[in-house]
Amino acid sequence: MLPTHFRLVRYGSYPPKRGTLCVVNDDVAYLFITGFMPEFGTYPGLHIPMPAQIKSQDVLDLTKAAMDIFGLTRVNWNTASMTVGQPVTLSFARKIKGIMAKFGDKPGLPASFRFYI
């Protein structure tokens, strides 16, 4: 899953619906993790939604992969935001990576990721 400059325009005043999947070919698709939310009748974000690119060199069911990724975007119960731009597993992993980078290679510090989640 990579950030991208891909945009999708739909007829009307709002961006594509949250959860929209645009499959380009067998190995590339774009998933709108943020977007228009019919439940609220609006788009609660501040900027034009930037979809996540799902790309695989292996045989992969892009629709199934998109459903799994989309399901992880609302797992973070520590926020009330409905416009989380990435799965919680990725955002937490990046935060832990930043913490571990500050410590460097100090002896006695557990290096395993499992100690920090």
Protein backbone atom coordinates (compact mmCIF):
# COMPACT_ATOMS: atom_id res chain seq x y z
CA MET A 1 0.00 0.00 0.00
CA LEU A 2 1.56 3.24 -1.18
CA PRO A 3 0.47 6.90 -1.21
CA THR A 4 -0.34 8.16 -4.70
CA HIS A 5 -1.29 11.20 -6.75
CA PHE A 6 -4.23 9.35 -8.33
CA ARG A 7 -7.54 11.22 -8.08
CA LEU A 8 -11.06 10.21 -9.00
CA VAL A 9 -13.83 12.70 -9.77
CA ARG A 10 -17.49 11.90 -9.48
CA TYR A 11 -20.53 13.84 -10.55
CA GLY A 12 -21.75 16.12 -7.76
CA SER A 13 -20.29 18.21 -4.97
CA TYR A 14 -18.41 15.56 -3.06
CA PRO A 15 -15.42 13.27 -3.67
CA PRO A 16 -15.80 9.50 -4.15
CA LYS A 17 -17.37 7.52 -1.33
CA ARG A 18 -15.16 6.18 1.44
CA GLY A 19 -14.34 2.59 0.51
CA THR A 20 -14.43 3.12 -3.27
CA LEU A 21 -12.07 0.75 -5.07
CA CYS A 22 -10.80 1.57 -8.56
CA VAL A 23 -9.12 -1.45 -10.14
CA VAL A 24 -6.83 -0.36 -12.97
CA ASN A 25 -5.52 -3.77 -14.03
CA ASP A 26 -4.66 -7.18 -12.56
CA ASP A 27 -1.93 -5.88 -10.26
CA VAL A 28 -2.85 -2.25 -9.41
CA ALA A 29 -5.87 -0.80 -7.63
CA TYR A 30 -6.66 2.39 -5.71
CA LEU A 31 -8.65 2.36 -2.47
CA PHE A 32 -10.25 5.50 -1.07
CA ILE A 33 -9.83 5.13 2.68
CA THR A 34 -11.32 8.59 3.18
CA GLY A 35 -14.11 10.20 1.17
CA PHE A 36 -17.80 11.06 1.10
CA MET A 37 -19.80 9.38 3.87
CA PRO A 38 -23.50 8.90 3.04
CA GLU A 39 -24.24 8.25 6.74
CA PHE A 40 -23.29 11.87 7.49
CA GLY A 41 -24.32 13.33 4.15
CA THR A 42 -20.92 14.98 3.74
CA TYR A 43 -17.19 14.52 3.39
CA PRO A 44 -15.68 15.18 6.84
CA GLY A 45 -12.13 15.70 5.56
CA LEU A 46 -10.24 18.91 4.94
CA HIS A 47 -8.48 18.00 1.70
CA ILE A 48 -9.17 16.09 -1.51
CA PRO A 49 -8.99 12.38 -0.62
CA MET A 50 -5.80 10.66 -1.72
CA PRO A 51 -6.37 6.94 -2.27
CA ALA A 52 -3.95 4.25 -1.25
CA GLN A 53 -2.38 2.30 -4.08
CA ILE A 54 -2.58 -1.45 -3.72
CA LYS A 55 0.03 -3.08 -5.91
CA SER A 56 1.21 -6.65 -6.12
CA GLN A 57 3.59 -8.54 -8.34
CA ASP A 58 2.06 -11.82 -7.18
CA VAL A 59 -1.35 -13.17 -8.05
CA LEU A 60 -3.64 -11.39 -5.60
CA ASP A 61 -7.35 -10.84 -5.29
CA LEU A 62 -7.25 -7.03 -5.14
CA THR A 63 -10.86 -6.79 -4.00
CA LYS A 64 -10.21 -9.08 -1.03
CA ALA A 65 -6.98 -7.25 -0.19
CA ALA A 66 -8.82 -3.90 -0.34
CA MET A 67 -11.55 -5.20 1.98
CA ASP A 68 -8.92 -6.33 4.50
CA ILE A 69 -7.06 -3.00 4.34
CA PHE A 70 -10.29 -1.01 4.58
CA GLY A 71 -11.37 -3.05 7.60
CA LEU A 72 -8.18 -2.08 9.41
CA THR A 73 -8.71 1.66 8.88
CA ARG A 74 -11.33 1.87 11.62
CA VAL A 75 -9.72 -0.43 14.20
CA ASN A 76 -8.10 2.46 16.09
CA TRP A 77 -10.56 2.98 18.95
CA ASN A 78 -8.26 5.64 20.44
CA THR A 79 -9.58 8.25 18.01
CA ALA A 80 -13.01 9.60 17.19
CA SER A 81 -11.90 10.53 13.68
CA MET A 82 -13.73 8.85 10.83
CA THR A 83 -11.16 10.05 8.32
CA VAL A 84 -8.16 7.98 9.38
CA GLY A 85 -5.90 7.97 6.32
CA GLN A 86 -4.13 4.66 6.86
CA PRO A 87 -4.67 1.37 8.65
CA VAL A 88 -3.92 1.56 12.36
CA THR A 89 -1.39 -1.24 12.06
CA LEU A 90 0.77 0.88 9.74
CA SER A 91 0.47 4.10 11.73
CA PHE A 92 1.41 2.39 15.01
CA ALA A 93 4.31 0.57 13.35
CA ARG A 94 5.68 3.88 12.06
CA LYS A 95 5.38 5.48 15.50
CA ILE A 96 7.23 2.58 17.12
CA LYS A 97 9.91 2.74 14.43
CA GLY A 98 10.43 6.42 15.32
CA ILE A 99 10.73 5.63 19.03
CA MET A 100 13.20 2.80 18.42
CA ALA A 101 15.29 5.01 16.11
CA LYS A 102 15.81 7.52 18.95
CA PHE A 103 17.34 4.82 21.15
CA GLY A 104 19.72 3.58 18.47
CA ASP A 105 21.71 0.42 19.18
CA LYS A 106 22.02 0.81 22.95
CA PRO A 107 22.92 -2.43 24.72
CA GLY A 108 20.22 -4.00 26.86
CA LEU A 109 17.36 -2.43 24.90
CA PRO A 110 14.98 -5.11 23.54
CA ALA A 111 15.11 -4.95 19.75
CA SER A 112 12.01 -7.02 19.11
CA PHE A 113 8.98 -5.11 17.85
CA ARG A 114 6.68 -7.13 20.15
CA PHE A 115 7.98 -5.29 23.24
CA TYR A 116 6.60 -1.99 21.94
CA ILE A 117 3.04 -2.81 20.95
